[in-house]
Amino acid sequence: MTQTTTRVLEPSDLDAALAILEREPVENAFVTSRVQVAGLDPWRLGGEMWGYYAGGELRSLCYAGANLVPVCAGPDAVRAFADRARRTGRRCSSIVGPAEATGLLWRLLEPSWGPAREVRSHQPLMVTERPSSDVRPDPLVRRIRKDEMDLIMPACVAMFTEEVGISPMAGDGGLLYQARVAELVGSGRSFARVENGKVVFKAEIGAATASACQVQGVWVAPEFRGRGHSETGMAAVVDFALRDVAPVVSLYVNDFNTAARAAYRRVGFREVGAFMSVLF
């Protein structure tokens, strides 16, 4: 009989963990980017990395931090991670990851962790590897400077509140969220079109590895919607990303957001899979 077990990975397990993450560089961009920067030390990583072993070999991972994220996890691994999550109790604000694994994980956890505030069961994962051939990039989209935090922060808060349904300023007064925005600005991965001191369009490259990056936080100010800013702005961000960050640009989007999905397709993105998010 094949022995199976889960345990919290240690810094010495880094190479084995990275080998798992490299199996699906696009799907795993978020977790991979964190591990490449912070290693597996829980304090630096912002959470634990659980490993699932079968026959003495590391087969799957699960990042357990602010998000619970299954990585390359088949049904047996998901069941093992669910058992561990039930024992530790819910510490995360969301479960997110590839739709099949995340769906099973939530079905197993819902009796003890539920109800969720919202379940988004199908979020198309989209990718592109080339600049848009149909949409001209907005020449006014640029990187946000470190001295422009006061400019970009209200737009980030508005986007988060609109997308997630709660303000990121709740709880700790927004300290963690402000730190994350500052991190993206400081690393040159925050982009916006600014007119008369107001953010018209914005987006960030939230995760970046040598293989793939993930765009997040795409937002157009309400009074500027319907003018094509999401398309021309995204075309500009894709150009920046392909030139400076990674050869593959990805994002995931709510399936009910038909306007955004159509805009991303016009920019050159295509659907290659699906994510799922459970929000608490």
Foldseek 3Di string as FASTA:
>chain_A
DKDKDKDWDDLVCQVLVVVQCVVDCQQNQQVNQLCVVQPQDCVSSQFTKMFMDINNHTQWIWTQHLETETGNDDPVRLVNVLVVCLVVDDPHQKYKGFLVSSVSNCVSNCVPHDDFPDKQRWWFKKKDQDFFPQAAADPQKAQDALVCLVLCVVLLQVLCCVVQVDGCCPDVNNPVVSVLVSVQSVVRFKIFRDDPSHTQWIKGQNGADQAETEIDSTDGPVVNPPPLCSQNNVSNSVVCCCVPTYSMYMYIGRPVPVVNVVSVVNRPMDTDGTMMMTGD
